[in-house]
Amino acid sequence: MLRQAQAARSARLAGSHSNKFQLEDRVKLASSFYEYYDKLTASKKSGSTSNYFIWISEVKHFRSYHVRAELTFEELDKKFLKYLLEEPLTKSKSKLAKNTASSYFNKIRAALNEAYREGIIRDKPESTG
């Protein structure tokens, strides 16, 4: 009985060190995706000008789809990624060009992959929608 209690205590301590209870994850998931994306976009400024402007255009499109002033990682859903792959629309409600939609999707996926590498999100985004 004492061994079981010690084993349970050890497992609980090890779990707290490895973030098993996900307290830190909730804080990270509650952080702003927009703010994170804006920082990533700013980091692209020193690279290719056209790539940088694609990042800017994508976030404008993204914010027009998710009309909220703030969006957390937790609120970011697969519905938006599916939207970018299947039915993206311009401001005038015409279909977004396939290459533009693909480019926008790749920027969002790159941001999510970076968030995964930084430990902000726990699940690695799929390579395809």
Protein backbone atom coordinates (compact mmCIF):
# COMPACT_ATOMS: atom_id res chain seq x y z
CA MET A 1 0.00 0.00 0.00
CA LEU A 2 2.81 2.39 0.89
CA ARG A 3 4.58 1.56 -2.39
CA GLN A 4 1.45 2.36 -4.36
CA ALA A 5 1.09 5.69 -2.59
CA GLN A 6 4.74 6.53 -3.25
CA ALA A 7 4.39 5.48 -6.89
CA ALA A 8 1.27 7.63 -7.27
CA ARG A 9 3.04 10.61 -5.65
CA SER A 10 6.05 10.16 -7.95
CA ALA A 11 3.81 9.96 -11.00
CA ARG A 12 1.97 13.13 -9.91
CA LEU A 13 5.24 15.00 -9.43
CA ALA A 14 6.59 13.79 -12.76
CA GLY A 15 3.31 14.78 -14.40
CA SER A 16 3.45 18.28 -13.03
CA HIS A 17 6.97 18.68 -14.37
CA SER A 18 5.99 17.44 -17.81
CA ASN A 19 2.87 19.64 -17.91
CA LYS A 20 0.59 16.61 -17.76
CA PHE A 21 -2.17 18.62 -16.15
CA GLN A 22 -2.02 21.17 -19.00
CA LEU A 23 -2.23 24.29 -16.85
CA GLU A 24 0.38 26.05 -18.95
CA ASP A 25 -1.27 24.78 -22.14
CA ARG A 26 -4.51 26.56 -21.25
CA VAL A 27 -2.66 29.85 -20.84
CA LYS A 28 -0.88 29.39 -24.17
CA LEU A 29 -4.09 28.39 -25.94
CA ALA A 30 -5.82 31.48 -24.56
CA SER A 31 -3.18 33.75 -26.10
CA SER A 32 -4.01 35.80 -29.18
CA PHE A 33 -3.53 34.11 -32.53
CA TYR A 34 -3.75 37.50 -34.25
CA GLU A 35 -0.94 38.90 -32.12
CA TYR A 36 1.17 35.81 -32.76
CA TYR A 37 0.50 35.97 -36.51
CA ASP A 38 1.33 39.70 -36.59
CA LYS A 39 4.71 38.99 -34.93
CA LEU A 40 5.43 36.24 -37.46
CA THR A 41 4.44 38.58 -40.28
CA ALA A 42 6.78 41.28 -38.98
CA SER A 43 9.61 38.75 -38.92
CA LYS A 44 9.05 38.14 -42.66
CA LYS A 45 9.68 41.80 -43.53
CA SER A 46 13.43 41.28 -43.95
CA GLY A 47 12.89 38.50 -46.49
CA SER A 48 11.15 38.49 -49.84
CA THR A 49 8.91 41.52 -50.34
CA SER A 50 6.26 39.54 -52.20
CA ASN A 51 6.19 36.86 -49.48
CA TYR A 52 5.84 39.54 -46.80
CA PHE A 53 2.89 41.10 -48.61
CA ILE A 54 1.22 37.71 -48.96
CA TRP A 55 1.43 37.34 -45.16
CA ILE A 56 -0.16 40.79 -44.77
CA SER A 57 -2.90 40.07 -47.31
CA GLU A 58 -3.66 36.74 -45.67
CA VAL A 59 -4.18 38.24 -42.23
CA LYS A 60 -6.52 40.86 -43.70
CA HIS A 61 -8.54 38.11 -45.33
CA PHE A 62 -8.42 36.04 -42.15
CA ARG A 63 -9.70 38.92 -40.02
CA SER A 64 -12.54 39.58 -42.44
CA TYR A 65 -13.61 35.93 -42.14
CA HIS A 66 -13.31 35.87 -38.33
CA VAL A 67 -14.86 39.26 -37.67
CA ARG A 68 -13.97 39.22 -33.96
CA ALA A 69 -11.40 41.75 -32.75
CA GLU A 70 -9.49 38.93 -31.04
CA LEU A 71 -9.05 35.25 -31.78
CA THR A 72 -7.24 32.85 -29.48
CA PHE A 73 -5.46 29.66 -30.48
CA GLU A 74 -8.22 27.80 -28.66
CA GLU A 75 -10.89 29.42 -30.84
CA LEU A 76 -9.01 28.73 -34.06
CA ASP A 77 -10.81 25.86 -35.65
CA LYS A 78 -10.51 23.46 -38.55
CA LYS A 79 -13.61 25.08 -40.02
CA PHE A 80 -11.53 28.05 -41.16
CA LEU A 81 -8.84 25.84 -42.70
CA LYS A 82 -11.55 23.91 -44.52
CA TYR A 83 -13.04 27.23 -45.65
CA LEU A 84 -9.68 28.25 -47.16
CA LEU A 85 -9.44 24.98 -49.05
CA GLU A 86 -13.02 24.70 -50.25
CA GLU A 87 -14.90 27.99 -50.43
CA PRO A 88 -12.82 31.12 -49.85
CA LEU A 89 -14.46 34.33 -51.01
CA THR A 90 -13.25 37.83 -51.78
CA LYS A 91 -14.76 40.98 -50.23
CA SER A 92 -17.23 41.09 -53.13
CA LYS A 93 -18.25 37.48 -52.36
CA SER A 94 -16.73 36.05 -55.53
CA LYS A 95 -14.58 32.96 -55.23
CA LEU A 96 -10.96 33.58 -54.23
CA ALA A 97 -8.47 32.43 -56.89
CA LYS A 98 -7.23 28.91 -56.24
CA ASN A 99 -3.55 29.94 -56.04
CA THR A 100 -4.36 32.79 -53.65
CA ALA A 101 -6.40 30.50 -51.42
CA SER A 102 -3.60 27.94 -51.45
CA SER A 103 -1.05 30.60 -50.58
CA TYR A 104 -3.20 31.89 -47.71
CA PHE A 105 -3.74 28.37 -46.43
CA ASN A 106 0.02 27.75 -46.47
CA LYS A 107 0.66 30.91 -44.43
CA ILE A 108 -1.85 29.88 -41.76
CA ARG A 109 -0.41 26.37 -41.72
CA ALA A 110 3.13 27.76 -41.40
CA ALA A 111 2.02 29.88 -38.44
CA LEU A 112 0.38 26.86 -36.80
CA ASN A 113 3.47 24.72 -37.42
CA GLU A 114 5.60 27.40 -35.77
CA ALA A 115 3.18 27.56 -32.82
CA TYR A 116 3.48 23.78 -32.53
CA ARG A 117 7.30 23.99 -32.50
CA GLU A 118 7.10 26.66 -29.79
CA GLY A 119 4.76 24.51 -27.69
CA ILE A 120 1.77 26.84 -27.94
CA ILE A 121 -0.43 24.16 -29.47
CA ARG A 122 -0.08 20.47 -28.71
CA ASP A 123 -1.27 18.95 -31.98
CA LYS A 124 0.77 19.35 -35.13
CA PRO A 125 -1.36 20.67 -37.99
CA GLU A 126 -1.98 18.23 -40.79
CA SER A 127 -0.05 18.84 -43.98
CA THR A 128 -3.28 18.82 -45.98
CA GLY A 129 -6.76 20.04 -45.18
